N, C-alpha and C. Protein backbone atom coordinates (compact mmCIF):
# COMPACT_ATOMS: atom_id res chain seq x y z
N ALA A 1 0.82 -1.20 0.00
CA ALA A 1 0.00 0.00 0.00
C ALA A 1 0.86 1.26 0.00
N SER A 2 2.08 1.17 0.52
CA SER A 2 2.93 2.36 0.59
C SER A 2 3.39 2.82 -0.80
N LEU A 3 3.22 1.97 -1.81
CA LEU A 3 3.59 2.35 -3.17
C LEU A 3 2.56 3.28 -3.81
N LEU A 4 1.33 3.25 -3.31
CA LEU A 4 0.26 4.04 -3.91
C LEU A 4 0.39 5.51 -3.54
N PHE A 5 0.29 6.37 -4.54
CA PHE A 5 0.43 7.81 -4.34
C PHE A 5 -0.91 8.49 -4.64
N PRO A 6 -1.66 8.85 -3.59
CA PRO A 6 -2.94 9.54 -3.82
C PRO A 6 -2.73 11.00 -4.20
N ILE A 7 -3.53 11.48 -5.13
CA ILE A 7 -3.50 12.88 -5.55
C ILE A 7 -4.87 13.48 -5.24
N PRO A 8 -4.92 14.52 -4.40
CA PRO A 8 -6.21 15.14 -4.10
C PRO A 8 -6.87 15.69 -5.37
N ARG A 9 -8.15 15.41 -5.52
CA ARG A 9 -8.89 15.90 -6.68
C ARG A 9 -9.26 17.38 -6.52
N SER A 10 -9.33 17.85 -5.30
CA SER A 10 -9.88 19.18 -5.00
C SER A 10 -9.16 20.32 -5.72
N ALA A 11 -7.84 20.28 -5.80
CA ALA A 11 -7.10 21.39 -6.41
C ALA A 11 -7.49 21.59 -7.87
N LYS A 12 -7.51 20.53 -8.64
CA LYS A 12 -7.87 20.64 -10.06
C LYS A 12 -9.33 21.00 -10.24
N ARG A 13 -10.17 20.51 -9.35
CA ARG A 13 -11.60 20.85 -9.45
C ARG A 13 -11.82 22.33 -9.15
N GLU A 14 -11.08 22.84 -8.17
CA GLU A 14 -11.21 24.27 -7.85
C GLU A 14 -10.74 25.13 -9.01
N GLU A 15 -9.71 24.67 -9.74
CA GLU A 15 -9.21 25.41 -10.91
C GLU A 15 -10.29 25.60 -11.97
N ILE A 16 -11.22 24.66 -12.04
CA ILE A 16 -12.29 24.77 -13.05
C ILE A 16 -13.62 25.17 -12.43
N GLY A 17 -13.56 25.68 -11.20
CA GLY A 17 -14.74 26.24 -10.56
C GLY A 17 -15.68 25.25 -9.92
N ILE A 18 -15.20 24.06 -9.61
CA ILE A 18 -16.05 23.06 -8.96
C ILE A 18 -15.64 22.94 -7.50
N SER A 19 -16.60 23.18 -6.62
CA SER A 19 -16.38 22.96 -5.18
C SER A 19 -17.70 22.52 -4.58
N GLY A 20 -17.62 21.92 -3.41
CA GLY A 20 -18.85 21.44 -2.77
C GLY A 20 -19.42 20.24 -3.50
N THR A 21 -20.74 20.24 -3.65
CA THR A 21 -21.42 19.14 -4.32
C THR A 21 -21.03 19.07 -5.79
N LEU A 22 -20.65 17.90 -6.23
CA LEU A 22 -20.22 17.73 -7.62
C LEU A 22 -21.41 17.79 -8.57
N PRO A 23 -21.24 18.42 -9.73
CA PRO A 23 -22.31 18.49 -10.71
C PRO A 23 -22.37 17.25 -11.62
N PHE A 24 -21.68 16.20 -11.23
CA PHE A 24 -21.63 14.97 -12.01
C PHE A 24 -21.45 13.80 -11.07
N PHE A 25 -21.59 12.62 -11.61
CA PHE A 25 -21.35 11.40 -10.84
C PHE A 25 -20.72 10.38 -11.77
N GLY A 26 -20.21 9.31 -11.20
CA GLY A 26 -19.62 8.27 -12.02
C GLY A 26 -18.42 7.62 -11.35
N VAL A 27 -17.67 6.90 -12.15
CA VAL A 27 -16.48 6.21 -11.65
C VAL A 27 -15.37 6.31 -12.69
N ASP A 28 -14.15 6.24 -12.21
CA ASP A 28 -12.99 6.07 -13.08
C ASP A 28 -12.75 4.56 -13.14
N ILE A 29 -12.81 4.00 -14.32
CA ILE A 29 -12.60 2.56 -14.48
C ILE A 29 -11.15 2.32 -14.90
N TRP A 30 -10.45 1.57 -14.06
CA TRP A 30 -9.06 1.21 -14.34
C TRP A 30 -9.02 -0.30 -14.59
N ASN A 31 -8.27 -0.70 -15.59
CA ASN A 31 -8.10 -2.12 -15.90
C ASN A 31 -6.64 -2.51 -15.71
N GLY A 32 -6.44 -3.65 -15.09
CA GLY A 32 -5.10 -4.23 -14.95
C GLY A 32 -5.07 -5.50 -15.78
N TYR A 33 -4.55 -5.40 -17.00
CA TYR A 33 -4.61 -6.53 -17.92
C TYR A 33 -3.57 -7.61 -17.64
N GLU A 34 -2.60 -7.32 -16.80
CA GLU A 34 -1.53 -8.28 -16.55
C GLU A 34 -1.27 -8.46 -15.06
N LEU A 35 -2.32 -8.58 -14.27
CA LEU A 35 -2.14 -8.80 -12.84
C LEU A 35 -1.65 -10.23 -12.62
N SER A 36 -0.58 -10.37 -11.86
CA SER A 36 -0.08 -11.71 -11.56
C SER A 36 0.40 -11.77 -10.11
N TRP A 37 0.38 -12.99 -9.57
CA TRP A 37 0.80 -13.25 -8.20
C TRP A 37 1.16 -14.73 -8.13
N LEU A 38 1.61 -15.19 -7.00
CA LEU A 38 1.95 -16.60 -6.81
C LEU A 38 0.94 -17.25 -5.88
N ASN A 39 0.58 -18.51 -6.17
CA ASN A 39 -0.26 -19.22 -5.20
C ASN A 39 0.62 -19.69 -4.05
N GLN A 40 0.05 -20.37 -3.10
CA GLN A 40 0.80 -20.78 -1.90
C GLN A 40 1.96 -21.72 -2.21
N ARG A 41 1.90 -22.40 -3.35
CA ARG A 41 3.00 -23.31 -3.73
C ARG A 41 4.02 -22.63 -4.63
N GLY A 42 3.81 -21.34 -4.91
CA GLY A 42 4.75 -20.60 -5.73
C GLY A 42 4.46 -20.62 -7.21
N LYS A 43 3.30 -21.16 -7.60
CA LYS A 43 2.94 -21.21 -9.02
C LYS A 43 2.34 -19.87 -9.44
N PRO A 44 2.82 -19.30 -10.54
CA PRO A 44 2.28 -18.02 -11.01
C PRO A 44 0.79 -18.13 -11.37
N GLN A 45 0.05 -17.11 -11.00
CA GLN A 45 -1.38 -16.99 -11.29
C GLN A 45 -1.58 -15.67 -12.03
N VAL A 46 -2.57 -15.61 -12.89
CA VAL A 46 -2.84 -14.37 -13.63
C VAL A 46 -4.33 -14.08 -13.63
N ALA A 47 -4.64 -12.82 -13.82
CA ALA A 47 -6.03 -12.38 -13.95
C ALA A 47 -6.04 -11.00 -14.60
N ILE A 48 -7.18 -10.64 -15.10
CA ILE A 48 -7.43 -9.27 -15.53
C ILE A 48 -8.25 -8.63 -14.41
N ALA A 49 -7.77 -7.50 -13.92
CA ALA A 49 -8.44 -6.83 -12.81
C ALA A 49 -9.18 -5.60 -13.31
N ARG A 50 -10.27 -5.28 -12.64
CA ARG A 50 -11.02 -4.05 -12.93
C ARG A 50 -11.28 -3.35 -11.61
N PHE A 51 -11.02 -2.05 -11.62
CA PHE A 51 -11.17 -1.22 -10.43
C PHE A 51 -12.11 -0.06 -10.75
N HIS A 52 -13.03 0.23 -9.84
CA HIS A 52 -13.97 1.35 -10.03
C HIS A 52 -13.71 2.38 -8.92
N VAL A 53 -13.03 3.46 -9.28
CA VAL A 53 -12.72 4.53 -8.32
C VAL A 53 -13.83 5.57 -8.44
N PRO A 54 -14.61 5.79 -7.37
CA PRO A 54 -15.73 6.73 -7.45
C PRO A 54 -15.26 8.15 -7.80
N ALA A 55 -16.01 8.81 -8.66
CA ALA A 55 -15.67 10.18 -9.06
C ALA A 55 -15.73 11.14 -7.88
N ASP A 56 -16.49 10.79 -6.85
CA ASP A 56 -16.58 11.67 -5.69
C ASP A 56 -15.57 11.32 -4.59
N SER A 57 -14.62 10.43 -4.90
CA SER A 57 -13.57 10.13 -3.92
C SER A 57 -12.67 11.36 -3.78
N PRO A 58 -12.13 11.59 -2.59
CA PRO A 58 -11.28 12.76 -2.40
C PRO A 58 -9.98 12.70 -3.19
N ASN A 59 -9.52 11.49 -3.51
CA ASN A 59 -8.24 11.33 -4.21
C ASN A 59 -8.39 10.45 -5.44
N ILE A 60 -7.51 10.71 -6.40
CA ILE A 60 -7.30 9.77 -7.50
C ILE A 60 -5.91 9.19 -7.25
N ILE A 61 -5.64 8.02 -7.78
CA ILE A 61 -4.35 7.39 -7.55
C ILE A 61 -3.46 7.63 -8.77
N GLU A 62 -2.27 8.13 -8.51
CA GLU A 62 -1.33 8.43 -9.59
C GLU A 62 -1.04 7.14 -10.35
N SER A 63 -1.10 7.20 -11.68
CA SER A 63 -1.08 5.99 -12.51
C SER A 63 0.21 5.18 -12.40
N LYS A 64 1.35 5.84 -12.35
CA LYS A 64 2.61 5.09 -12.26
C LYS A 64 2.70 4.36 -10.92
N SER A 65 2.24 4.99 -9.85
CA SER A 65 2.27 4.32 -8.55
C SER A 65 1.30 3.15 -8.53
N PHE A 66 0.16 3.30 -9.23
CA PHE A 66 -0.82 2.22 -9.35
C PHE A 66 -0.17 1.02 -10.05
N LYS A 67 0.53 1.29 -11.15
CA LYS A 67 1.20 0.23 -11.91
C LYS A 67 2.27 -0.46 -11.05
N LEU A 68 3.09 0.32 -10.35
CA LEU A 68 4.13 -0.26 -9.49
C LEU A 68 3.51 -1.11 -8.39
N TYR A 69 2.41 -0.62 -7.83
CA TYR A 69 1.69 -1.37 -6.79
C TYR A 69 1.22 -2.72 -7.33
N LEU A 70 0.56 -2.70 -8.49
CA LEU A 70 0.08 -3.96 -9.07
C LEU A 70 1.23 -4.90 -9.39
N ASN A 71 2.33 -4.37 -9.92
CA ASN A 71 3.49 -5.21 -10.23
C ASN A 71 4.16 -5.77 -8.99
N SER A 72 3.94 -5.16 -7.83
CA SER A 72 4.55 -5.66 -6.60
C SER A 72 3.99 -7.03 -6.21
N PHE A 73 2.86 -7.42 -6.79
CA PHE A 73 2.28 -8.73 -6.49
C PHE A 73 2.92 -9.86 -7.30
N ASN A 74 3.72 -9.52 -8.31
CA ASN A 74 4.28 -10.53 -9.21
C ASN A 74 4.98 -11.67 -8.50
N GLN A 75 5.71 -11.40 -7.45
CA GLN A 75 6.44 -12.44 -6.72
C GLN A 75 5.92 -12.61 -5.30
N THR A 76 4.65 -12.25 -5.10
CA THR A 76 4.04 -12.34 -3.78
C THR A 76 3.12 -13.54 -3.70
N LYS A 77 3.29 -14.36 -2.67
CA LYS A 77 2.39 -15.50 -2.45
C LYS A 77 1.09 -14.99 -1.82
N VAL A 78 -0.02 -15.42 -2.40
CA VAL A 78 -1.34 -15.02 -1.92
C VAL A 78 -2.16 -16.30 -1.72
N ALA A 79 -2.88 -16.38 -0.60
CA ALA A 79 -3.62 -17.60 -0.26
C ALA A 79 -4.64 -17.99 -1.32
N ASP A 80 -5.42 -17.01 -1.80
CA ASP A 80 -6.45 -17.29 -2.80
C ASP A 80 -6.94 -15.98 -3.40
N THR A 81 -7.80 -16.06 -4.40
CA THR A 81 -8.24 -14.84 -5.09
C THR A 81 -9.06 -13.94 -4.17
N ASP A 82 -9.82 -14.52 -3.24
CA ASP A 82 -10.58 -13.68 -2.31
C ASP A 82 -9.65 -12.83 -1.45
N THR A 83 -8.55 -13.41 -1.02
CA THR A 83 -7.56 -12.67 -0.23
C THR A 83 -6.94 -11.56 -1.07
N LEU A 84 -6.64 -11.86 -2.33
CA LEU A 84 -6.08 -10.85 -3.22
C LEU A 84 -7.06 -9.69 -3.42
N ILE A 85 -8.32 -10.01 -3.71
CA ILE A 85 -9.33 -8.98 -3.90
C ILE A 85 -9.46 -8.12 -2.64
N HIS A 86 -9.51 -8.76 -1.48
CA HIS A 86 -9.62 -8.02 -0.22
C HIS A 86 -8.43 -7.07 -0.03
N THR A 87 -7.23 -7.56 -0.30
CA THR A 87 -6.03 -6.73 -0.15
C THR A 87 -6.07 -5.54 -1.10
N LEU A 88 -6.41 -5.78 -2.36
CA LEU A 88 -6.50 -4.70 -3.34
C LEU A 88 -7.55 -3.68 -2.93
N GLN A 89 -8.73 -4.15 -2.53
CA GLN A 89 -9.80 -3.23 -2.12
C GLN A 89 -9.38 -2.40 -0.90
N ARG A 90 -8.78 -3.05 0.07
CA ARG A 90 -8.36 -2.34 1.29
C ARG A 90 -7.36 -1.24 0.96
N ASP A 91 -6.33 -1.57 0.19
CA ASP A 91 -5.27 -0.61 -0.10
C ASP A 91 -5.75 0.52 -1.01
N LEU A 92 -6.51 0.17 -2.04
CA LEU A 92 -7.00 1.20 -2.98
C LEU A 92 -8.05 2.09 -2.32
N THR A 93 -8.88 1.52 -1.48
CA THR A 93 -9.87 2.31 -0.74
C THR A 93 -9.17 3.30 0.18
N ALA A 94 -8.12 2.86 0.84
CA ALA A 94 -7.37 3.77 1.72
C ALA A 94 -6.74 4.91 0.92
N ALA A 95 -6.18 4.60 -0.23
CA ALA A 95 -5.53 5.64 -1.05
C ALA A 95 -6.55 6.60 -1.66
N ALA A 96 -7.67 6.08 -2.14
CA ALA A 96 -8.67 6.93 -2.79
C ALA A 96 -9.52 7.70 -1.79
N GLY A 97 -9.63 7.18 -0.57
CA GLY A 97 -10.48 7.82 0.42
C GLY A 97 -11.95 7.48 0.24
N ALA A 98 -12.25 6.47 -0.56
CA ALA A 98 -13.62 5.99 -0.79
C ALA A 98 -13.52 4.54 -1.23
N TYR A 99 -14.60 3.81 -1.02
CA TYR A 99 -14.60 2.38 -1.36
C TYR A 99 -14.33 2.16 -2.85
N VAL A 100 -13.34 1.31 -3.14
CA VAL A 100 -12.97 0.96 -4.52
C VAL A 100 -13.27 -0.53 -4.73
N PRO A 101 -14.36 -0.85 -5.43
CA PRO A 101 -14.64 -2.25 -5.73
C PRO A 101 -13.61 -2.81 -6.72
N VAL A 102 -13.29 -4.08 -6.53
CA VAL A 102 -12.32 -4.76 -7.38
C VAL A 102 -12.95 -6.06 -7.88
N SER A 103 -12.78 -6.34 -9.16
CA SER A 103 -13.21 -7.63 -9.69
C SER A 103 -12.07 -8.23 -10.50
N LEU A 104 -12.00 -9.55 -10.49
CA LEU A 104 -10.98 -10.27 -11.24
C LEU A 104 -11.63 -11.17 -12.28
N THR A 105 -11.05 -11.19 -13.46
CA THR A 105 -11.43 -12.15 -14.49
C THR A 105 -10.29 -13.15 -14.59
N LEU A 106 -10.59 -14.40 -14.29
CA LEU A 106 -9.57 -15.45 -14.28
C LEU A 106 -9.43 -16.06 -15.68
N PRO A 107 -8.32 -16.75 -15.95
CA PRO A 107 -8.06 -17.27 -17.30
C PRO A 107 -9.21 -18.08 -17.90
N GLU A 108 -9.89 -18.87 -17.08
CA GLU A 108 -10.99 -19.68 -17.62
C GLU A 108 -12.18 -18.82 -18.05
N GLN A 109 -12.15 -17.53 -17.71
CA GLN A 109 -13.22 -16.61 -18.10
C GLN A 109 -12.79 -15.65 -19.22
N PHE A 110 -11.53 -15.69 -19.63
CA PHE A 110 -11.02 -14.74 -20.63
C PHE A 110 -11.84 -14.76 -21.92
N SER A 111 -12.27 -15.93 -22.35
CA SER A 111 -12.99 -16.03 -23.63
C SER A 111 -14.35 -15.32 -23.58
N GLN A 112 -14.84 -15.03 -22.38
CA GLN A 112 -16.13 -14.36 -22.24
C GLN A 112 -16.01 -12.84 -22.32
N LEU A 113 -14.79 -12.33 -22.29
CA LEU A 113 -14.59 -10.88 -22.33
C LEU A 113 -14.88 -10.33 -23.72
N GLN A 114 -15.48 -9.16 -23.74
CA GLN A 114 -15.75 -8.48 -25.00
C GLN A 114 -15.29 -7.04 -24.88
N MET A 115 -14.71 -6.54 -25.94
CA MET A 115 -14.32 -5.14 -26.00
C MET A 115 -15.39 -4.38 -26.76
N GLN A 116 -15.71 -3.20 -26.25
CA GLN A 116 -16.71 -2.37 -26.93
C GLN A 116 -16.48 -0.92 -26.57
N GLU A 117 -16.98 -0.06 -27.41
CA GLU A 117 -16.90 1.37 -27.12
C GLU A 117 -17.96 1.73 -26.10
N LEU A 118 -17.63 2.69 -25.25
CA LEU A 118 -18.61 3.17 -24.28
C LEU A 118 -19.44 4.27 -24.88
């Protein structure tokens, strides 16, 4: 979690005249296409991660620190995917200052993914 660098949203919002109640709502959707970690026996595991950072969170997470944080799991043993999701949610929620839901798509689900324009 110490790798994550939160950036307050307030300064940039004030620059464009937004303060108090936001005139919009939504989420910043971040995708981690190469999330990897080790299972308890040291076997590499992979998933595609999706993170929803609320637009009304006090902070956004600096992208390079987010990438370094995710890469820090590459050689980390994790008990199971639920533990990984909990760890990611806890750390990202702390950095963003608001609850950040996390979902993982495991290899057996990759074929179900579809790309589309929003």
